[in-house]
Amino acid sequence: MHRPAPRLLAALLVLLAAAAGAHDTTMRPFTADTLAEIGRMREGQPFILFVWSAGCEPCRQQLPFLRELSRMKPRVPLVMVSTDGPGLEKSAVQALSQLGLEHEDNWIFAEAESPALRRAIDPAWDGKLPRTYLYDAAHNRQALSGRLDRGRVDGWVRQATAVH
């Protein structure tokens, strides 16, 4: 009887574990009450809320920067909200997994193309993506549309995490 070499067996186990974990991204449904819940969970803590869609190329271009920011600045949690809705969750999960963002605080609109959910985030927002909100520790927020400016975000992070 032929037995696999220990190294080969170990490599196979690593591959199987990686494959099993490749799609373990949890995307919770984002409802009209979710932003208040996120605020309560992050009380007294700054955070970044990034609103995006898997089909939005400018959004996807921002994901590597957000991954880097999340790793370099763990004191400022990243909250990701996909506007795709439940029917497109697989695409959103795939995009997050490919870029290493699967373990962030991930949400997806509970209803596809929902103006009510957009208004729950920001009544003044017209729905254009990407949309980013920088929340300081008191949860005052700055809204940014389009491509993120690294210098501006880095400056905000330094200010938001400075000890007063």
C-alpha atoms as a PDB file:
ATOM      1  CA  MET A   1       0.000   0.000   0.000  1.00  0.00           C
ATOM      2  CA  HIS A   2       1.346   3.383  -1.058  1.00  0.00           C
ATOM      3  CA  ARG A   3       1.218   6.156   1.555  1.00  0.00           C
ATOM      4  CA  PRO A   4       1.528   9.825   0.580  1.00  0.00           C
ATOM      5  CA  ALA A   5       4.679  11.556   1.764  1.00  0.00           C
ATOM      6  CA  PRO A   6       4.139  13.730   4.882  1.00  0.00           C
ATOM      7  CA  ARG A   7       5.039  16.913   2.967  1.00  0.00           C
ATOM      8  CA  LEU A   8       2.585  16.136   0.206  1.00  0.00           C
ATOM      9  CA  LEU A   9      -0.119  15.400   2.743  1.00  0.00           C
ATOM     10  CA  ALA A  10       0.617  18.632   4.603  1.00  0.00           C
ATOM     11  CA  ALA A  11       0.484  20.612   1.341  1.00  0.00           C
ATOM     12  CA  LEU A  12      -2.846  19.020   0.465  1.00  0.00           C
ATOM     13  CA  LEU A  13      -4.262  19.905   3.878  1.00  0.00           C
ATOM     14  CA  VAL A  14      -3.151  23.525   3.490  1.00  0.00           C
ATOM     15  CA  LEU A  15      -4.783  23.720   0.054  1.00  0.00           C
ATOM     16  CA  LEU A  16      -8.004  22.186   1.327  1.00  0.00           C
ATOM     17  CA  ALA A  17      -8.128  24.577   4.279  1.00  0.00           C
ATOM     18  CA  ALA A  18      -7.532  27.539   1.962  1.00  0.00           C
ATOM     19  CA  ALA A  19     -10.240  26.357  -0.424  1.00  0.00           C
ATOM     20  CA  ALA A  20     -12.684  25.854   2.421  1.00  0.00           C
ATOM     21  CA  GLY A  21     -11.978  29.328   3.777  1.00  0.00           C
ATOM     22  CA  ALA A  22     -12.042  31.038   0.395  1.00  0.00           C
ATOM     23  CA  HIS A  23     -15.760  31.620   0.544  1.00  0.00           C
ATOM     24  CA  ASP A  24     -16.319  32.088   4.255  1.00  0.00           C
ATOM     25  CA  THR A  25     -17.007  35.793   3.829  1.00  0.00           C
ATOM     26  CA  THR A  26     -20.014  36.811   5.844  1.00  0.00           C
ATOM     27  CA  MET A  27     -22.111  39.610   4.425  1.00  0.00           C
ATOM     28  CA  ARG A  28     -24.852  40.636   6.772  1.00  0.00           C
ATOM     29  CA  PRO A  29     -28.028  42.204   5.373  1.00  0.00           C
ATOM     30  CA  PHE A  30     -27.991  46.007   5.521  1.00  0.00           C
ATOM     31  CA  THR A  31     -31.429  47.374   6.471  1.00  0.00           C
ATOM     32  CA  ALA A  32     -32.732  50.829   7.336  1.00  0.00           C
ATOM     33  CA  ASP A  33     -31.631  50.313  10.972  1.00  0.00           C
ATOM     34  CA  THR A  34     -28.154  48.963  10.260  1.00  0.00           C
ATOM     35  CA  LEU A  35     -26.231  52.237  10.267  1.00  0.00           C
ATOM     36  CA  ALA A  36     -27.480  52.983  13.794  1.00  0.00           C
ATOM     37  CA  GLU A  37     -26.406  49.464  14.820  1.00  0.00           C
ATOM     38  CA  ILE A  38     -22.952  49.995  13.327  1.00  0.00           C
ATOM     39  CA  GLY A  39     -22.699  53.275  15.241  1.00  0.00           C
ATOM     40  CA  ARG A  40     -23.584  51.560  18.517  1.00  0.00           C
ATOM     41  CA  MET A  41     -21.039  48.792  17.854  1.00  0.00           C
ATOM     42  CA  ARG A  42     -18.347  51.415  17.202  1.00  0.00           C
ATOM     43  CA  GLU A  43     -19.299  53.838  19.989  1.00  0.00           C
ATOM     44  CA  GLY A  44     -16.439  56.214  20.792  1.00  0.00           C
ATOM     45  CA  GLN A  45     -14.364  54.804  17.937  1.00  0.00           C
ATOM     46  CA  PRO A  46     -13.563  56.271  14.526  1.00  0.00           C
ATOM     47  CA  PHE A  47     -14.351  54.131  11.490  1.00  0.00           C
ATOM     48  CA  ILE A  48     -14.568  54.260   7.719  1.00  0.00           C
ATOM     49  CA  LEU A  49     -17.778  53.307   5.934  1.00  0.00           C
ATOM     50  CA  PHE A  50     -17.188  52.403   2.284  1.00  0.00           C
ATOM     51  CA  VAL A  51     -20.260  52.007   0.063  1.00  0.00           C
ATOM     52  CA  TRP A  52     -19.564  50.100  -3.118  1.00  0.00           C
ATOM     53  CA  SER A  53     -20.790  47.608  -5.703  1.00  0.00           C
ATOM     54  CA  ALA A  54     -19.052  44.617  -7.264  1.00  0.00           C
ATOM     55  CA  GLY A  55     -20.065  45.874 -10.717  1.00  0.00           C
ATOM     56  CA  CYS A  56     -18.596  49.349 -10.119  1.00  0.00           C
ATOM     57  CA  GLU A  57     -15.082  49.488 -11.578  1.00  0.00           C
ATOM     58  CA  PRO A  58     -14.105  52.711  -9.730  1.00  0.00           C
ATOM     59  CA  CYS A  59     -15.231  50.985  -6.500  1.00  0.00           C
ATOM     60  CA  ARG A  60     -13.119  47.910  -7.213  1.00  0.00           C
ATOM     61  CA  GLN A  61     -10.113  50.141  -7.942  1.00  0.00           C
ATOM     62  CA  GLN A  62     -10.378  51.497  -4.377  1.00  0.00           C
ATOM     63  CA  LEU A  63     -10.389  48.066  -2.718  1.00  0.00           C
ATOM     64  CA  PRO A  64      -6.578  47.544  -2.707  1.00  0.00           C
ATOM     65  CA  PHE A  65      -6.096  50.942  -1.034  1.00  0.00           C
ATOM     66  CA  LEU A  66      -8.738  50.078   1.553  1.00  0.00           C
ATOM     67  CA  ARG A  67      -7.113  46.712   2.224  1.00  0.00           C
ATOM     68  CA  GLU A  68      -3.761  48.446   2.763  1.00  0.00           C
ATOM     69  CA  LEU A  69      -5.377  51.069   4.994  1.00  0.00           C
ATOM     70  CA  SER A  70      -7.127  48.393   7.047  1.00  0.00           C
ATOM     71  CA  ARG A  71      -3.874  46.523   7.604  1.00  0.00           C
ATOM     72  CA  MET A  72      -1.784  49.594   8.340  1.00  0.00           C
ATOM     73  CA  LYS A  73      -4.366  51.339  10.553  1.00  0.00           C
ATOM     74  CA  PRO A  74      -6.209  48.643  12.521  1.00  0.00           C
ATOM     75  CA  ARG A  75      -7.405  51.245  15.066  1.00  0.00           C
ATOM     76  CA  VAL A  76      -9.764  52.573  12.377  1.00  0.00           C
ATOM     77  CA  PRO A  77     -12.136  49.756  11.437  1.00  0.00           C
ATOM     78  CA  LEU A  78     -13.352  49.441   7.886  1.00  0.00           C
ATOM     79  CA  VAL A  79     -17.067  48.853   7.340  1.00  0.00           C
ATOM     80  CA  MET A  80     -17.942  47.743   3.809  1.00  0.00           C
ATOM     81  CA  VAL A  81     -21.501  48.127   2.479  1.00  0.00           C
ATOM     82  CA  SER A  82     -22.308  46.622  -0.902  1.00  0.00           C
ATOM     83  CA  THR A  83     -25.329  48.068  -2.693  1.00  0.00           C
ATOM     84  CA  ASP A  84     -25.632  44.941  -4.847  1.00  0.00           C
ATOM     85  CA  GLY A  85     -28.441  43.270  -2.946  1.00  0.00           C
ATOM     86  CA  PRO A  86     -28.891  39.591  -2.116  1.00  0.00           C
ATOM     87  CA  GLY A  87     -29.053  38.410  -5.728  1.00  0.00           C
ATOM     88  CA  LEU A  88     -25.484  39.549  -6.383  1.00  0.00           C
ATOM     89  CA  GLU A  89     -23.922  38.548  -3.073  1.00  0.00           C
ATOM     90  CA  LYS A  90     -21.713  35.937  -4.756  1.00  0.00           C
ATOM     91  CA  SER A  91     -20.045  38.606  -6.918  1.00  0.00           C
ATOM     92  CA  ALA A  92     -19.470  40.847  -3.910  1.00  0.00           C
ATOM     93  CA  VAL A  93     -18.024  37.977  -1.858  1.00  0.00           C
ATOM     94  CA  GLN A  94     -15.716  37.020  -4.729  1.00  0.00           C
ATOM     95  CA  ALA A  95     -14.422  40.596  -5.068  1.00  0.00           C
ATOM     96  CA  LEU A  96     -13.789  40.864  -1.323  1.00  0.00           C
ATOM     97  CA  SER A  97     -12.076  37.471  -1.160  1.00  0.00           C
ATOM     98  CA  GLN A  98      -9.824  38.175  -4.140  1.00  0.00           C
ATOM     99  CA  LEU A  99      -8.543  41.320  -2.488  1.00  0.00           C
ATOM    100  CA  GLY A 100      -8.228  40.088   1.075  1.00  0.00           C
ATOM    101  CA  LEU A 101     -11.162  42.067   2.467  1.00  0.00           C
ATOM    102  CA  GLU A 102     -13.288  39.089   3.424  1.00  0.00           C
ATOM    103  CA  HIS A 103     -12.700  39.559   7.155  1.00  0.00           C
ATOM    104  CA  GLU A 104     -13.793  43.187   7.351  1.00  0.00           C
ATOM    105  CA  ASP A 105     -17.196  44.212   8.666  1.00  0.00           C
ATOM    106  CA  ASN A 106     -19.112  43.370   5.459  1.00  0.00           C
ATOM    107  CA  TRP A 107     -22.731  44.231   4.737  1.00  0.00           C
ATOM    108  CA  ILE A 108     -24.933  43.974   1.654  1.00  0.00           C
ATOM    109  CA  PHE A 109     -28.162  45.814   0.908  1.00  0.00           C
ATOM    110  CA  ALA A 110     -31.073  43.624   1.997  1.00  0.00           C
ATOM    111  CA  GLU A 111     -32.948  44.876  -1.084  1.00  0.00           C
ATOM    112  CA  ALA A 112     -31.441  45.453  -4.522  1.00  0.00           C
ATOM    113  CA  GLU A 113     -31.320  49.033  -5.820  1.00  0.00           C
ATOM    114  CA  SER A 114     -33.008  50.464  -2.758  1.00  0.00           C
ATOM    115  CA  PRO A 115     -33.390  54.253  -2.576  1.00  0.00           C
ATOM    116  CA  ALA A 116     -34.694  53.801   0.983  1.00  0.00           C
ATOM    117  CA  LEU A 117     -31.442  52.137   2.063  1.00  0.00           C
ATOM    118  CA  ARG A 118     -29.397  54.852   0.343  1.00  0.00           C
ATOM    119  CA  ARG A 119     -31.406  57.474   2.258  1.00  0.00           C
ATOM    120  CA  ALA A 120     -30.826  55.541   5.488  1.00  0.00           C
ATOM    121  CA  ILE A 121     -27.110  56.073   4.934  1.00  0.00           C
ATOM    122  CA  ASP A 122     -27.338  59.657   3.743  1.00  0.00           C
ATOM    123  CA  PRO A 123     -30.450  61.546   2.605  1.00  0.00           C
ATOM    124  CA  ALA A 124     -28.231  63.898   0.557  1.00  0.00           C
ATOM    125  CA  TRP A 125     -26.490  61.070  -1.332  1.00  0.00           C
ATOM    126  CA  ASP A 126     -27.558  60.688  -4.966  1.00  0.00           C
ATOM    127  CA  GLY A 127     -26.427  57.053  -5.184  1.00  0.00           C
ATOM    128  CA  LYS A 128     -23.201  57.554  -7.151  1.00  0.00           C
ATOM    129  CA  LEU A 129     -20.459  55.110  -6.238  1.00  0.00           C
ATOM    130  CA  PRO A 130     -18.049  54.763  -4.639  1.00  0.00           C
ATOM    131  CA  ARG A 131     -19.098  56.702  -1.565  1.00  0.00           C
ATOM    132  CA  THR A 132     -16.995  56.883   1.589  1.00  0.00           C
ATOM    133  CA  TYR A 133     -17.825  58.225   5.023  1.00  0.00           C
ATOM    134  CA  LEU A 134     -15.103  59.042   7.519  1.00  0.00           C
ATOM    135  CA  TYR A 135     -16.531  58.852  11.047  1.00  0.00           C
ATOM    136  CA  ASP A 136     -14.505  60.331  13.884  1.00  0.00           C
ATOM    137  CA  ALA A 137     -14.770  59.052  17.473  1.00  0.00           C
ATOM    138  CA  ALA A 138     -17.791  61.304  18.124  1.00  0.00           C
ATOM    139  CA  HIS A 139     -19.304  59.987  14.870  1.00  0.00           C
ATOM    140  CA  ASN A 140     -19.173  63.299  13.081  1.00  0.00           C
ATOM    141  CA  ARG A 141     -18.699  62.307   9.485  1.00  0.00           C
ATOM    142  CA  GLN A 142     -17.208  63.525   6.259  1.00  0.00           C
ATOM    143  CA  ALA A 143     -18.739  62.256   3.025  1.00  0.00           C
ATOM    144  CA  LEU A 144     -16.473  61.644   0.046  1.00  0.00           C
ATOM    145  CA  SER A 145     -17.613  60.715  -3.438  1.00  0.00           C
ATOM    146  CA  GLY A 146     -15.499  59.010  -6.073  1.00  0.00           C
ATOM    147  CA  ARG A 147     -11.838  58.126  -5.891  1.00  0.00           C
ATOM    148  CA  LEU A 148     -10.252  58.454  -2.465  1.00  0.00           C
ATOM    149  CA  ASP A 149      -7.362  60.853  -2.046  1.00  0.00           C
ATOM    150  CA  ARG A 150      -4.648  59.017  -0.085  1.00  0.00           C
ATOM    151  CA  GLY A 151      -3.261  62.163   1.477  1.00  0.00           C
ATOM    152  CA  ARG A 152      -6.664  63.304   2.670  1.00  0.00           C
ATOM    153  CA  VAL A 153      -7.590  59.895   4.103  1.00  0.00           C
ATOM    154  CA  ASP A 154      -4.182  59.442   5.749  1.00  0.00           C
ATOM    155  CA  GLY A 155      -4.447  62.918   7.295  1.00  0.00           C
ATOM    156  CA  TRP A 156      -7.939  62.142   8.582  1.00  0.00           C
ATOM    157  CA  VAL A 157      -6.743  58.829  10.070  1.00  0.00           C
ATOM    158  CA  ARG A 158      -3.842  60.570  11.847  1.00  0.00           C
ATOM    159  CA  GLN A 159      -6.217  63.163  13.259  1.00  0.00           C
ATOM    160  CA  ALA A 160      -8.910  60.600  14.189  1.00  0.00           C
ATOM    161  CA  THR A 161      -6.436  58.426  16.073  1.00  0.00           C
ATOM    162  CA  ALA A 162      -4.442  61.209  17.745  1.00  0.00           C
ATOM    163  CA  VAL A 163      -4.589  61.127  21.526  1.00  0.00           C
ATOM    164  CA  HIS A 164      -5.974  64.415  22.816  1.00  0.00           C
END
